[in-house]
Amino acid sequence: MKTIRFYFYLFLFGSVQSLFAQEESKIGMLFPQFENGIVFFKNGVRGAVPLNYDMLMQEMLFLEKDSTVMKIDSPLMNVTCK
């Protein structure tokens, strides 16, 4: 009888823990969502785009108008951020 009670409590504890799960986040991202930022190009052009940083891949990401996630290619060659 004690064995059945133990398994019942174990089952109850396991099912309650799943109720308190956090919502899924983007793992490796610096911010939970893209934040507005300004990119300064070497030719003097400025662009205001939503930015986020992927810490796992070590890439700066930006969000295009059609919600496509793109990375900034060769940041040391093409852009400087302030």
PDB file of N, CA and C in Angstrom:
ATOM      1  N   MET A   1       0.813  -1.188   0.000  1.00  0.00           N
ATOM      2  CA  MET A   1       0.000   0.000   0.000  1.00  0.00           C
ATOM      3  C   MET A   1       0.863   1.260   0.000  1.00  0.00           C
ATOM      4  N   LYS A   2       1.980   1.226   0.743  1.00  0.00           N
ATOM      5  CA  LYS A   2       2.872   2.382   0.771  1.00  0.00           C
ATOM      6  C   LYS A   2       3.518   2.610  -0.592  1.00  0.00           C
ATOM      7  N   THR A   3       3.767   1.539  -1.316  1.00  0.00           N
ATOM      8  CA  THR A   3       4.359   1.652  -2.636  1.00  0.00           C
ATOM      9  C   THR A   3       3.400   2.349  -3.596  1.00  0.00           C
ATOM     10  N   ILE A   4       2.138   2.001  -3.533  1.00  0.00           N
ATOM     11  CA  ILE A   4       1.137   2.636  -4.405  1.00  0.00           C
ATOM     12  C   ILE A   4       1.019   4.113  -4.064  1.00  0.00           C
ATOM     13  N   ARG A   5       1.014   4.446  -2.792  1.00  0.00           N
ATOM     14  CA  ARG A   5       0.921   5.841  -2.367  1.00  0.00           C
ATOM     15  C   ARG A   5       2.158   6.620  -2.839  1.00  0.00           C
ATOM     16  N   PHE A   6       3.336   6.014  -2.745  1.00  0.00           N
ATOM     17  CA  PHE A   6       4.566   6.664  -3.197  1.00  0.00           C
ATOM     18  C   PHE A   6       4.497   6.987  -4.690  1.00  0.00           C
ATOM     19  N   TYR A   7       4.080   6.025  -5.490  1.00  0.00           N
ATOM     20  CA  TYR A   7       3.973   6.265  -6.931  1.00  0.00           C
ATOM     21  C   TYR A   7       2.890   7.291  -7.260  1.00  0.00           C
ATOM     22  N   PHE A   8       1.821   7.302  -6.490  1.00  0.00           N
ATOM     23  CA  PHE A   8       0.769   8.298  -6.698  1.00  0.00           C
ATOM     24  C   PHE A   8       1.313   9.707  -6.447  1.00  0.00           C
ATOM     25  N   TYR A   9       2.031   9.880  -5.339  1.00  0.00           N
ATOM     26  CA  TYR A   9       2.611  11.190  -5.041  1.00  0.00           C
ATOM     27  C   TYR A   9       3.674  11.582  -6.060  1.00  0.00           C
ATOM     28  N   LEU A  10       4.446  10.624  -6.488  1.00  0.00           N
ATOM     29  CA  LEU A  10       5.449  10.891  -7.515  1.00  0.00           C
ATOM     30  C   LEU A  10       4.782  11.344  -8.811  1.00  0.00           C
ATOM     31  N   PHE A  11       3.730  10.680  -9.225  1.00  0.00           N
ATOM     32  CA  PHE A  11       2.978  11.065 -10.415  1.00  0.00           C
ATOM     33  C   PHE A  11       2.375  12.453 -10.248  1.00  0.00           C
ATOM     34  N   LEU A  12       1.787  12.723  -9.089  1.00  0.00           N
ATOM     35  CA  LEU A  12       1.170  14.018  -8.826  1.00  0.00           C
ATOM     36  C   LEU A  12       2.211  15.132  -8.867  1.00  0.00           C
ATOM     37  N   PHE A  13       3.361  14.904  -8.259  1.00  0.00           N
ATOM     38  CA  PHE A  13       4.435  15.899  -8.271  1.00  0.00           C
ATOM     39  C   PHE A  13       4.921  16.167  -9.694  1.00  0.00           C
ATOM     40  N   GLY A  14       5.087  15.138 -10.488  1.00  0.00           N
ATOM     41  CA  GLY A  14       5.548  15.307 -11.870  1.00  0.00           C
ATOM     42  C   GLY A  14       4.552  16.036 -12.742  1.00  0.00           C
ATOM     43  N   SER A  15       3.276  15.818 -12.528  1.00  0.00           N
ATOM     44  CA  SER A  15       2.277  16.485 -13.358  1.00  0.00           C
ATOM     45  C   SER A  15       2.103  17.945 -12.960  1.00  0.00           C
ATOM     46  N   VAL A  16       2.293  18.278 -11.694  1.00  0.00           N
ATOM     47  CA  VAL A  16       2.171  19.673 -11.250  1.00  0.00           C
ATOM     48  C   VAL A  16       3.349  20.495 -11.756  1.00  0.00           C
ATOM     49  N   GLN A  17       4.518  19.921 -11.820  1.00  0.00           N
ATOM     50  CA  GLN A  17       5.699  20.651 -12.285  1.00  0.00           C
ATOM     51  C   GLN A  17       5.537  21.121 -13.724  1.00  0.00           C
ATOM     52  N   SER A  18       4.854  20.376 -14.557  1.00  0.00           N
ATOM     53  CA  SER A  18       4.695  20.776 -15.951  1.00  0.00           C
ATOM     54  C   SER A  18       3.757  21.958 -16.095  1.00  0.00           C
ATOM     55  N   LEU A  19       2.934  22.237 -15.103  1.00  0.00           N
ATOM     56  CA  LEU A  19       2.025  23.376 -15.170  1.00  0.00           C
ATOM     57  C   LEU A  19       2.750  24.704 -15.036  1.00  0.00           C
ATOM     58  N   PHE A  20       3.916  24.698 -14.423  1.00  0.00           N
ATOM     59  CA  PHE A  20       4.639  25.930 -14.166  1.00  0.00           C
ATOM     60  C   PHE A  20       5.801  26.142 -15.128  1.00  0.00           C
ATOM     61  N   ALA A  21       5.746  25.544 -16.267  1.00  0.00           N
ATOM     62  CA  ALA A  21       6.811  25.705 -17.251  1.00  0.00           C
ATOM     63  C   ALA A  21       6.800  27.119 -17.810  1.00  0.00           C
ATOM     64  N   GLN A  22       7.986  27.649 -18.029  1.00  0.00           N
ATOM     65  CA  GLN A  22       8.082  28.984 -18.604  1.00  0.00           C
ATOM     66  C   GLN A  22       7.807  28.905 -20.088  1.00  0.00           C
ATOM     67  N   GLU A  23       7.350  30.036 -20.641  1.00  0.00           N
ATOM     68  CA  GLU A  23       7.106  30.023 -22.073  1.00  0.00           C
ATOM     69  C   GLU A  23       8.433  29.982 -22.818  1.00  0.00           C
ATOM     70  N   GLU A  24       8.386  29.450 -23.998  1.00  0.00           N
ATOM     71  CA  GLU A  24       9.593  29.212 -24.786  1.00  0.00           C
ATOM     72  C   GLU A  24      10.251  30.530 -25.166  1.00  0.00           C
ATOM     73  N   SER A  25      11.542  30.615 -24.971  1.00  0.00           N
ATOM     74  CA  SER A  25      12.282  31.819 -25.337  1.00  0.00           C
ATOM     75  C   SER A  25      13.276  31.467 -26.432  1.00  0.00           C
ATOM     76  N   LYS A  26      13.788  32.489 -27.068  1.00  0.00           N
ATOM     77  CA  LYS A  26      14.790  32.274 -28.097  1.00  0.00           C
ATOM     78  C   LYS A  26      16.134  32.100 -27.405  1.00  0.00           C
ATOM     79  N   ILE A  27      16.610  30.887 -27.397  1.00  0.00           N
ATOM     80  CA  ILE A  27      17.842  30.562 -26.685  1.00  0.00           C
ATOM     81  C   ILE A  27      19.031  31.164 -27.421  1.00  0.00           C
ATOM     82  N   GLY A  28      19.889  31.831 -26.673  1.00  0.00           N
ATOM     83  CA  GLY A  28      21.096  32.391 -27.247  1.00  0.00           C
ATOM     84  C   GLY A  28      20.954  33.830 -27.691  1.00  0.00           C
ATOM     85  N   MET A  29      19.760  34.375 -27.672  1.00  0.00           N
ATOM     86  CA  MET A  29      19.558  35.763 -28.090  1.00  0.00           C
ATOM     87  C   MET A  29      19.798  36.686 -26.910  1.00  0.00           C
ATOM     88  N   LEU A  30      20.355  37.849 -27.159  1.00  0.00           N
ATOM     89  CA  LEU A  30      20.640  38.804 -26.105  1.00  0.00           C
ATOM     90  C   LEU A  30      19.345  39.380 -25.535  1.00  0.00           C
ATOM     91  N   PHE A  31      18.395  39.716 -26.397  1.00  0.00           N
ATOM     92  CA  PHE A  31      17.102  40.266 -25.983  1.00  0.00           C
ATOM     93  C   PHE A  31      15.992  39.283 -26.338  1.00  0.00           C
ATOM     94  N   PRO A  32      14.880  39.303 -25.613  1.00  0.00           N
ATOM     95  CA  PRO A  32      13.778  38.384 -25.938  1.00  0.00           C
ATOM     96  C   PRO A  32      13.120  38.689 -27.279  1.00  0.00           C
ATOM     97  N   GLN A  33      13.161  39.948 -27.713  1.00  0.00           N
ATOM     98  CA  GLN A  33      12.645  40.307 -29.043  1.00  0.00           C
ATOM     99  C   GLN A  33      13.606  41.318 -29.669  1.00  0.00           C
ATOM    100  N   PHE A  34      13.412  41.610 -30.932  1.00  0.00           N
ATOM    101  CA  PHE A  34      14.275  42.551 -31.622  1.00  0.00           C
ATOM    102  C   PHE A  34      14.005  43.958 -31.098  1.00  0.00           C
ATOM    103  N   GLU A  35      15.081  44.715 -30.887  1.00  0.00           N
ATOM    104  CA  GLU A  35      14.993  46.085 -30.383  1.00  0.00           C
ATOM    105  C   GLU A  35      15.414  47.045 -31.487  1.00  0.00           C
ATOM    106  N   ASN A  36      14.784  48.220 -31.509  1.00  0.00           N
ATOM    107  CA  ASN A  36      15.118  49.218 -32.525  1.00  0.00           C
ATOM    108  C   ASN A  36      16.541  49.726 -32.330  1.00  0.00           C
ATOM    109  N   GLY A  37      17.251  49.850 -33.431  1.00  0.00           N
ATOM    110  CA  GLY A  37      18.626  50.333 -33.400  1.00  0.00           C
ATOM    111  C   GLY A  37      18.969  51.048 -34.686  1.00  0.00           C
ATOM    112  N   ILE A  38      20.082  51.755 -34.679  1.00  0.00           N
ATOM    113  CA  ILE A  38      20.545  52.491 -35.864  1.00  0.00           C
ATOM    114  C   ILE A  38      21.877  51.904 -36.284  1.00  0.00           C
ATOM    115  N   VAL A  39      21.992  51.595 -37.561  1.00  0.00           N
ATOM    116  CA  VAL A  39      23.226  51.068 -38.140  1.00  0.00           C
ATOM    117  C   VAL A  39      23.845  52.178 -38.975  1.00  0.00           C
ATOM    118  N   PHE A  40      25.121  52.464 -38.720  1.00  0.00           N
ATOM    119  CA  PHE A  40      25.851  53.473 -39.473  1.00  0.00           C
ATOM    120  C   PHE A  40      26.788  52.759 -40.447  1.00  0.00           C
ATOM    121  N   PHE A  41      26.594  52.992 -41.740  1.00  0.00           N
ATOM    122  CA  PHE A  41      27.458  52.403 -42.749  1.00  0.00           C
ATOM    123  C   PHE A  41      28.664  53.307 -42.964  1.00  0.00           C
ATOM    124  N   LYS A  42      29.756  52.750 -43.459  1.00  0.00           N
ATOM    125  CA  LYS A  42      30.972  53.528 -43.673  1.00  0.00           C
ATOM    126  C   LYS A  42      30.789  54.616 -44.725  1.00  0.00           C
ATOM    127  N   ASN A  43      29.844  54.437 -45.653  1.00  0.00           N
ATOM    128  CA  ASN A  43      29.616  55.449 -46.678  1.00  0.00           C
ATOM    129  C   ASN A  43      28.727  56.585 -46.177  1.00  0.00           C
ATOM    130  N   GLY A  44      28.378  56.583 -44.866  1.00  0.00           N
ATOM    131  CA  GLY A  44      27.619  57.673 -44.277  1.00  0.00           C
ATOM    132  C   GLY A  44      26.117  57.437 -44.197  1.00  0.00           C
ATOM    133  N   VAL A  45      25.639  56.383 -44.795  1.00  0.00           N
ATOM    134  CA  VAL A  45      24.209  56.086 -44.781  1.00  0.00           C
ATOM    135  C   VAL A  45      23.845  55.497 -43.419  1.00  0.00           C
ATOM    136  N   ARG A  46      22.688  55.923 -42.892  1.00  0.00           N
ATOM    137  CA  ARG A  46      22.181  55.375 -41.636  1.00  0.00           C
ATOM    138  C   ARG A  46      20.931  54.570 -41.925  1.00  0.00           C
ATOM    139  N   GLY A  47      20.756  53.517 -41.175  1.00  0.00           N
ATOM    140  CA  GLY A  47      19.555  52.709 -41.310  1.00  0.00           C
ATOM    141  C   GLY A  47      18.998  52.360 -39.940  1.00  0.00           C
ATOM    142  N   ALA A  48      17.697  52.597 -39.754  1.00  0.00           N
ATOM    143  CA  ALA A  48      17.035  52.238 -38.507  1.00  0.00           C
ATOM    144  C   ALA A  48      16.348  50.895 -38.716  1.00  0.00           C
ATOM    145  N   VAL A  49      16.809  49.895 -38.000  1.00  0.00           N
ATOM    146  CA  VAL A  49      16.269  48.541 -38.131  1.00  0.00           C
ATOM    147  C   VAL A  49      16.169  47.897 -36.754  1.00  0.00           C
ATOM    148  N   PRO A  50      15.276  46.917 -36.596  1.00  0.00           N
ATOM    149  CA  PRO A  50      15.250  46.132 -35.359  1.00  0.00           C
ATOM    150  C   PRO A  50      16.459  45.190 -35.317  1.00  0.00           C
ATOM    151  N   LEU A  51      17.204  45.224 -34.198  1.00  0.00           N
ATOM    152  CA  LEU A  51      18.437  44.450 -34.057  1.00  0.00           C
ATOM    153  C   LEU A  51      18.353  43.513 -32.858  1.00  0.00           C
ATOM    154  N   ASN A  52      19.103  42.431 -32.938  1.00  0.00           N
ATOM    155  CA  ASN A  52      19.291  41.516 -31.822  1.00  0.00           C
ATOM    156  C   ASN A  52      20.628  40.823 -32.042  1.00  0.00           C
ATOM    157  N   TYR A  53      21.210  40.308 -30.973  1.00  0.00           N
ATOM    158  CA  TYR A  53      22.516  39.649 -31.070  1.00  0.00           C
ATOM    159  C   TYR A  53      22.378  38.191 -30.668  1.00  0.00           C
ATOM    160  N   ASP A  54      22.828  37.302 -31.546  1.00  0.00           N
ATOM    161  CA  ASP A  54      22.834  35.870 -31.275  1.00  0.00           C
ATOM    162  C   ASP A  54      24.157  35.532 -30.600  1.00  0.00           C
ATOM    163  N   MET A  55      24.106  35.248 -29.297  1.00  0.00           N
ATOM    164  CA  MET A  55      25.326  35.000 -28.536  1.00  0.00           C
ATOM    165  C   MET A  55      25.957  33.651 -28.860  1.00  0.00           C
ATOM    166  N   LEU A  56      25.162  32.677 -29.300  1.00  0.00           N
ATOM    167  CA  LEU A  56      25.720  31.363 -29.629  1.00  0.00           C
ATOM    168  C   LEU A  56      26.541  31.413 -30.913  1.00  0.00           C
ATOM    169  N   MET A  57      25.982  32.048 -31.936  1.00  0.00           N
ATOM    170  CA  MET A  57      26.673  32.140 -33.223  1.00  0.00           C
ATOM    171  C   MET A  57      27.546  33.391 -33.328  1.00  0.00           C
ATOM    172  N   GLN A  58      27.432  34.297 -32.351  1.00  0.00           N
ATOM    173  CA  GLN A  58      28.166  35.559 -32.320  1.00  0.00           C
ATOM    174  C   GLN A  58      27.931  36.361 -33.598  1.00  0.00           C
ATOM    175  N   GLU A  59      26.630  36.579 -33.890  1.00  0.00           N
ATOM    176  CA  GLU A  59      26.231  37.324 -35.084  1.00  0.00           C
ATOM    177  C   GLU A  59      25.219  38.392 -34.703  1.00  0.00           C
ATOM    178  N   MET A  60      25.333  39.549 -35.357  1.00  0.00           N
ATOM    179  CA  MET A  60      24.337  40.590 -35.201  1.00  0.00           C
ATOM    180  C   MET A  60      23.235  40.322 -36.221  1.00  0.00           C
ATOM    181  N   LEU A  61      21.997  40.247 -35.746  1.00  0.00           N
ATOM    182  CA  LEU A  61      20.856  39.945 -36.601  1.00  0.00           C
ATOM    183  C   LEU A  61      19.976  41.176 -36.734  1.00  0.00           C
ATOM    184  N   PHE A  62      19.348  41.324 -37.890  1.00  0.00           N
ATOM    185  CA  PHE A  62      18.366  42.388 -38.060  1.00  0.00           C
ATOM    186  C   PHE A  62      17.125  41.822 -38.713  1.00  0.00           C
ATOM    187  N   LEU A  63      16.033  42.535 -38.532  1.00  0.00           N
ATOM    188  CA  LEU A  63      14.725  42.091 -39.005  1.00  0.00           C
ATOM    189  C   LEU A  63      14.314  42.958 -40.184  1.00  0.00           C
ATOM    190  N   GLU A  64      14.069  42.336 -41.337  1.00  0.00           N
ATOM    191  CA  GLU A  64      13.625  43.087 -42.507  1.00  0.00           C
ATOM    192  C   GLU A  64      12.147  43.427 -42.397  1.00  0.00           C
ATOM    193  N   LYS A  65      11.654  44.239 -43.327  1.00  0.00           N
ATOM    194  CA  LYS A  65      10.259  44.684 -43.296  1.00  0.00           C
ATOM    195  C   LYS A  65       9.277  43.531 -43.431  1.00  0.00           C
ATOM    196  N   ASP A  66       9.666  42.459 -44.121  1.00  0.00           N
ATOM    197  CA  ASP A  66       8.781  41.303 -44.289  1.00  0.00           C
ATOM    198  C   ASP A  66       9.001  40.250 -43.195  1.00  0.00           C
ATOM    199  N   SER A  67       9.615  40.642 -42.079  1.00  0.00           N
ATOM    200  CA  SER A  67       9.868  39.796 -40.896  1.00  0.00           C
ATOM    201  C   SER A  67      10.882  38.684 -41.150  1.00  0.00           C
ATOM    202  N   THR A  68      11.730  38.840 -42.138  1.00  0.00           N
ATOM    203  CA  THR A  68      12.810  37.899 -42.394  1.00  0.00           C
ATOM    204  C   THR A  68      13.996  38.266 -41.521  1.00  0.00           C
ATOM    205  N   VAL A  69      14.552  37.284 -40.819  1.00  0.00           N
ATOM    206  CA  VAL A  69      15.719  37.517 -39.972  1.00  0.00           C
ATOM    207  C   VAL A  69      16.967  37.367 -40.827  1.00  0.00           C
ATOM    208  N   MET A  70      17.808  38.403 -40.826  1.00  0.00           N
ATOM    209  CA  MET A  70      19.040  38.405 -41.618  1.00  0.00           C
ATOM    210  C   MET A  70      20.204  38.712 -40.685  1.00  0.00           C
ATOM    211  N   LYS A  71      21.400  38.273 -41.057  1.00  0.00           N
ATOM    212  CA  LYS A  71      22.581  38.604 -40.272  1.00  0.00           C
ATOM    213  C   LYS A  71      23.403  39.654 -41.008  1.00  0.00           C
ATOM    214  N   ILE A  72      24.133  40.442 -40.235  1.00  0.00           N
ATOM    215  CA  ILE A  72      25.024  41.432 -40.829  1.00  0.00           C
ATOM    216  C   ILE A  72      26.304  40.713 -41.198  1.00  0.00           C
ATOM    217  N   ASP A  73      26.633  40.720 -42.477  1.00  0.00           N
ATOM    218  CA  ASP A  73      27.794  40.010 -42.988  1.00  0.00           C
ATOM    219  C   ASP A  73      29.026  40.888 -42.865  1.00  0.00           C
ATOM    220  N   SER A  74      30.098  40.359 -42.353  1.00  0.00           N
ATOM    221  CA  SER A  74      31.382  41.048 -42.177  1.00  0.00           C
ATOM    222  C   SER A  74      31.194  42.403 -41.497  1.00  0.00           C
ATOM    223  N   PRO A  75      30.788  42.427 -40.246  1.00  0.00           N
ATOM    224  CA  PRO A  75      30.508  43.709 -39.580  1.00  0.00           C
ATOM    225  C   PRO A  75      31.717  44.629 -39.499  1.00  0.00           C
ATOM    226  N   LEU A  76      32.919  44.087 -39.441  1.00  0.00           N
ATOM    227  CA  LEU A  76      34.095  44.943 -39.364  1.00  0.00           C
ATOM    228  C   LEU A  76      34.433  45.569 -40.713  1.00  0.00           C
ATOM    229  N   MET A  77      33.964  44.985 -41.794  1.00  0.00           N
ATOM    230  CA  MET A  77      34.248  45.505 -43.120  1.00  0.00           C
ATOM    231  C   MET A  77      33.163  46.474 -43.596  1.00  0.00           C
ATOM    232  N   ASN A  78      31.912  46.233 -43.265  1.00  0.00           N
ATOM    233  CA  ASN A  78      30.812  46.956 -43.898  1.00  0.00           C
ATOM    234  C   ASN A  78      30.149  48.007 -43.020  1.00  0.00           C
ATOM    235  N   VAL A  79      30.027  47.763 -41.736  1.00  0.00           N
ATOM    236  CA  VAL A  79      29.283  48.687 -40.887  1.00  0.00           C
ATOM    237  C   VAL A  79      30.028  48.969 -39.594  1.00  0.00           C
ATOM    238  N   THR A  80      29.673  50.082 -38.995  1.00  0.00           N
ATOM    239  CA  THR A  80      30.127  50.384 -37.644  1.00  0.00           C
ATOM    240  C   THR A  80      28.899  50.765 -36.852  1.00  0.00           C
ATOM    241  N   CYS A  81      28.746  50.256 -35.663  1.00  0.00           N
ATOM    242  CA  CYS A  81      27.581  50.533 -34.821  1.00  0.00           C
ATOM    243  C   CYS A  81      28.012  51.436 -33.674  1.00  0.00           C
ATOM    244  N   LYS A  82      27.171  52.393 -33.358  1.00  0.00           N
ATOM    245  CA  LYS A  82      27.432  53.300 -32.225  1.00  0.00           C
ATOM    246  C   LYS A  82      26.339  53.162 -31.210  1.00  0.00           C
TER     247      LYS A  82
END
